[in-house]
Protein backbone atom coordinates (compact mmCIF):
# COMPACT_ATOMS: atom_id res chain seq x y z
CA MET A 1 -19.90 33.28 -20.36
CA GLU A 2 -16.72 31.19 -20.98
CA ILE A 3 -18.39 27.73 -19.01
CA SER A 4 -21.23 27.67 -21.22
CA GLU A 5 -18.64 28.10 -24.35
CA ASN A 6 -16.59 25.11 -22.57
CA ILE A 7 -19.39 22.70 -21.86
CA LYS A 8 -21.03 23.16 -25.68
CA LYS A 9 -17.10 23.12 -26.96
CA TYR A 10 -16.78 19.76 -25.40
CA LYS A 11 -19.92 17.90 -25.80
CA ALA A 12 -18.96 18.75 -29.90
CA GLU A 13 -16.18 17.74 -29.54
CA LEU A 14 -17.21 13.78 -27.66
CA GLY A 15 -19.66 13.66 -29.08
CA ASN A 16 -22.65 10.93 -28.35
CA GLU A 17 -20.18 7.90 -27.78
CA VAL A 18 -18.27 9.62 -24.71
CA THR A 19 -19.92 10.56 -21.90
CA LEU A 20 -18.85 14.26 -20.46
CA VAL A 21 -18.53 14.11 -16.75
CA ALA A 22 -17.72 17.71 -15.42
CA ILE A 23 -15.77 17.46 -11.95
CA SER A 24 -17.32 20.56 -10.13
CA LYS A 25 -15.66 20.02 -6.90
CA THR A 26 -14.99 23.39 -4.83
CA LYS A 27 -17.08 25.10 -7.37
CA PRO A 28 -20.08 27.19 -6.66
CA ALA A 29 -23.89 26.05 -7.41
CA GLU A 30 -23.90 29.11 -9.96
CA ASP A 31 -21.13 27.85 -11.67
CA LEU A 32 -22.84 24.35 -11.69
CA LEU A 33 -25.81 26.18 -12.89
CA GLU A 34 -24.23 27.40 -15.75
CA ALA A 35 -23.10 23.86 -17.24
CA TYR A 36 -26.65 22.65 -16.70
CA ASN A 37 -27.97 25.62 -19.03
CA ALA A 38 -25.55 24.63 -21.59
CA GLY A 39 -26.97 21.18 -21.11
CA GLN A 40 -24.60 19.74 -18.98
CA ARG A 41 -26.24 17.25 -16.61
CA VAL A 42 -23.48 14.88 -15.35
CA PHE A 43 -21.39 16.38 -12.65
CA GLY A 44 -18.31 15.05 -10.57
CA GLU A 45 -17.70 16.02 -6.79
CA ASN A 46 -15.17 14.32 -4.57
CA LYS A 47 -16.56 14.94 -1.39
CA ILE A 48 -20.06 13.87 -0.10
CA GLN A 49 -20.85 16.69 1.85
CA GLU A 50 -20.05 19.10 -0.82
CA MET A 51 -21.94 17.12 -3.19
CA THR A 52 -25.34 16.63 -1.19
CA GLU A 53 -25.09 20.46 -0.52
CA LYS A 54 -25.67 21.03 -4.52
CA TRP A 55 -28.10 18.51 -4.75
CA GLU A 56 -30.13 19.87 -2.49
CA THR A 57 -30.28 23.19 -4.33
CA LEU A 58 -29.67 22.33 -8.00
CA PRO A 59 -32.27 20.82 -10.40
CA LYS A 60 -33.20 17.28 -9.78
CA ASP A 61 -32.25 16.27 -12.90
CA ILE A 62 -28.78 16.49 -12.71
CA GLU A 63 -26.80 13.03 -12.56
CA TRP A 64 -24.30 13.41 -9.55
CA HIS A 65 -20.90 11.25 -9.84
CA MET A 66 -18.84 10.29 -6.83
CA VAL A 67 -15.44 10.48 -8.16
CA GLY A 68 -13.24 11.34 -5.27
CA HIS A 69 -12.45 7.90 -2.40
CA VAL A 70 -14.81 7.01 -0.21
CA GLN A 71 -15.52 6.59 3.37
CA THR A 72 -17.64 4.21 4.07
CA ASN A 73 -19.23 6.05 6.85
CA LYS A 74 -20.26 9.05 4.58
CA VAL A 75 -21.64 6.17 2.06
CA LYS A 76 -25.41 7.17 3.93
CA TYR A 77 -25.11 10.66 2.65
CA MET A 78 -25.30 9.85 -0.94
CA ALA A 79 -27.59 6.72 -1.22
CA PRO A 80 -30.60 8.58 -1.63
CA PHE A 81 -29.33 10.47 -5.02
CA VAL A 82 -26.33 9.37 -6.43
CA SER A 83 -26.17 8.04 -9.72
CA LEU A 84 -22.47 6.16 -9.95
CA ILE A 85 -19.76 5.85 -7.41
CA HIS A 86 -16.63 5.60 -9.72
CA ALA A 87 -13.84 5.23 -7.18
CA VAL A 88 -14.90 1.69 -5.72
CA ASP A 89 -11.94 0.12 -4.38
CA SER A 90 -12.91 -2.92 -1.83
CA LEU A 91 -15.61 -5.49 -1.46
CA LYS A 92 -16.38 -3.84 2.12
CA LEU A 93 -17.42 -0.45 0.27
CA LEU A 94 -19.40 -2.58 -2.06
CA LYS A 95 -21.11 -4.08 1.03
CA GLU A 96 -22.15 -0.53 2.77
CA ILE A 97 -23.26 0.82 -0.88
CA ASN A 98 -25.21 -2.14 -0.58
CA LYS A 99 -26.44 -1.95 2.69
CA GLU A 100 -27.40 2.00 2.45
CA ALA A 101 -29.00 1.69 -1.06
CA LYS A 102 -30.71 -1.14 0.19
CA LYS A 103 -32.44 0.96 3.20
CA ASN A 104 -33.42 3.86 0.56
CA ASP A 105 -34.60 1.57 -1.94
CA ARG A 106 -32.39 1.87 -4.63
CA LYS A 107 -29.67 -0.10 -6.77
CA ILE A 108 -26.69 1.95 -6.96
CA ALA A 109 -24.02 1.92 -10.08
CA CYS A 110 -20.63 1.93 -9.11
CA LEU A 111 -16.96 1.16 -11.19
CA LEU A 112 -14.39 -0.62 -9.63
CA GLN A 113 -10.94 1.71 -9.56
CA ILE A 114 -7.96 -0.06 -11.22
CA LYS A 115 -4.77 0.97 -10.47
CA ILE A 116 -2.92 1.40 -13.50
CA ALA A 117 -0.58 4.24 -12.30
CA GLU A 118 2.90 3.90 -10.71
CA GLU A 119 1.94 6.62 -8.19
CA ASP A 120 1.89 5.53 -4.54
CA THR A 121 -0.91 8.04 -3.93
CA LYS A 122 -3.52 6.53 -6.13
CA PHE A 123 -6.03 3.72 -5.37
CA GLY A 124 -7.24 0.98 -6.71
CA LEU A 125 -7.26 -2.86 -7.29
CA ASP A 126 -5.15 -5.08 -9.52
CA ALA A 127 -6.72 -7.33 -12.25
CA GLU A 128 -6.07 -10.54 -10.53
CA GLU A 129 -8.30 -8.95 -7.31
CA ALA A 130 -10.95 -7.40 -9.43
CA LYS A 131 -11.27 -10.65 -10.86
CA GLU A 132 -11.59 -12.67 -7.93
CA LEU A 133 -14.13 -9.97 -5.97
CA LEU A 134 -16.32 -10.13 -8.82
CA THR A 135 -16.53 -13.97 -8.99
CA SER A 136 -17.00 -14.20 -4.98
CA GLU A 137 -19.77 -15.49 -3.47
CA LYS A 138 -20.06 -12.60 -0.84
CA PHE A 139 -19.70 -10.04 -4.50
CA SER A 140 -23.18 -12.16 -5.70
CA GLU A 141 -24.81 -11.60 -2.66
CA LEU A 142 -24.93 -7.63 -2.89
CA LYS A 143 -28.72 -7.05 -4.82
CA ASN A 144 -28.49 -3.06 -4.26
CA ILE A 145 -25.56 -2.19 -6.39
CA GLU A 146 -24.68 -3.14 -10.18
CA VAL A 147 -20.99 -2.53 -11.24
CA LYS A 148 -20.75 -1.32 -14.46
CA GLY A 149 -17.41 -1.49 -15.52
CA LEU A 150 -14.20 -0.06 -14.50
CA MET A 151 -12.23 3.24 -14.09
CA GLY A 152 -8.93 4.20 -13.49
CA MET A 153 -6.45 7.20 -13.48
CA ALA A 154 -3.41 7.74 -15.62
CA THR A 155 0.54 8.95 -14.17
CA TYR A 156 0.42 12.37 -13.90
CA THR A 157 3.17 12.90 -17.11
CA GLU A 158 4.03 14.86 -19.56
CA ASP A 159 5.21 11.33 -20.88
CA GLU A 160 2.48 10.46 -23.75
CA ALA A 161 3.52 6.99 -23.84
CA VAL A 162 3.61 6.07 -20.41
CA VAL A 163 -0.42 7.35 -20.43
CA ARG A 164 -1.48 5.09 -23.43
CA GLY A 165 0.58 2.42 -22.49
CA GLU A 166 -1.67 2.07 -19.03
CA PHE A 167 -4.80 2.93 -20.66
CA ASP A 168 -4.01 0.79 -23.15
CA TYR A 169 -3.74 -2.26 -20.38
CA LEU A 170 -6.86 -1.24 -18.73
CA LYS A 171 -8.99 -1.33 -21.65
CA SER A 172 -7.60 -4.56 -21.88
CA VAL A 173 -8.38 -5.77 -18.31
CA TYR A 174 -12.09 -4.24 -18.93
CA GLU A 175 -12.28 -6.27 -22.55
CA ASP A 176 -11.36 -9.39 -20.03
CA LEU A 177 -13.77 -8.74 -17.20
CA LYS A 178 -16.71 -8.25 -19.60
CA LYS A 179 -16.60 -11.78 -21.11
CA ASN A 180 -17.98 -12.60 -17.61
CA ASN A 181 -19.75 -9.53 -16.48
CA PRO A 182 -21.40 -8.64 -19.83
CA HIS A 183 -23.45 -5.77 -18.00
CA PHE A 184 -19.96 -4.19 -18.25
CA GLU A 185 -20.73 -0.25 -20.25
CA ILE A 186 -18.32 2.14 -18.78
CA LEU A 187 -14.85 2.65 -18.81
CA SER A 188 -14.25 5.92 -17.12
CA MET A 189 -10.52 7.13 -18.32
CA GLY A 190 -8.96 10.35 -19.45
CA MET A 191 -9.25 13.82 -17.50
CA SER A 192 -8.57 17.52 -18.36
CA GLY A 193 -5.08 16.29 -19.68
CA ASP A 194 -5.33 13.22 -21.10
CA TYR A 195 -8.92 12.35 -22.01
CA GLN A 196 -8.01 12.53 -25.89
CA VAL A 197 -5.57 9.26 -25.16
CA ALA A 198 -7.94 7.88 -23.44
CA MET A 199 -10.36 7.92 -26.01
CA GLU A 200 -8.15 6.69 -28.67
CA CYS A 201 -7.42 3.84 -26.35
CA GLY A 202 -11.34 3.08 -25.39
CA SER A 203 -12.78 5.39 -23.31
CA ASN A 204 -16.21 6.06 -23.28
CA MET A 205 -16.61 7.99 -20.30
CA VAL A 206 -13.97 11.17 -19.25
CA ARG A 207 -14.32 13.56 -16.23
CA ILE A 208 -12.92 17.29 -17.31
CA GLY A 209 -12.62 19.53 -14.32
CA SER A 210 -10.62 22.48 -14.54
CA ALA A 211 -10.94 22.50 -18.67
CA ILE A 212 -14.55 23.52 -17.86
CA PHE A 213 -14.30 25.72 -14.80
CA GLY A 214 -11.21 26.97 -14.84
CA GLU A 215 -8.58 26.40 -11.86
CA ARG A 216 -10.12 25.32 -8.24
CA ASN A 217 -10.56 27.12 -5.53
CA TYR A 218 -8.85 25.25 -2.32
CA ASN A 219 -9.88 27.01 0.71
């Protein structure tokens, strides 16, 4: 089946150095199971309710990544099982994740989202805000989260120079922040249309959805 072949193709292309997050939002559990049977273990969802429903029915060794914008009042639903929350863009959200992680006796890994695109629709912190957050006293009090790196989304454009410039910038922010945060290990950038450029710019985690599962079904 096509999904299996796509998973194998991307795994061979990315090798061991780059983690493939299969973006499975809106896709039925049977599609995820096909990818799972082809060896995929990391799946990304953007709606907590949908992710929770899939977690309940699919194999328990799947690593679930929350890749969408997170509302604080929904954190409690994914706190028991989520492996990585990609798009964290405020101390308020980190506090909520920490609170719910503590209730579940867990430490939840997170990525700070840095705004690198010009588009107003993209969320994220700027580099200075991220630095201030990571050095703040309030952040140091959060013992049930671990910020493991950064993520960012490039401008949606055919102009590769623009995309490359944004990814290069995010890589430089990552390297700068890593000096004081040596536990940083994830730089998540690149999706179906620009993952190759992202990898050339230093990404070690890419988020690929439609190129694996086909176009999404929005009901």
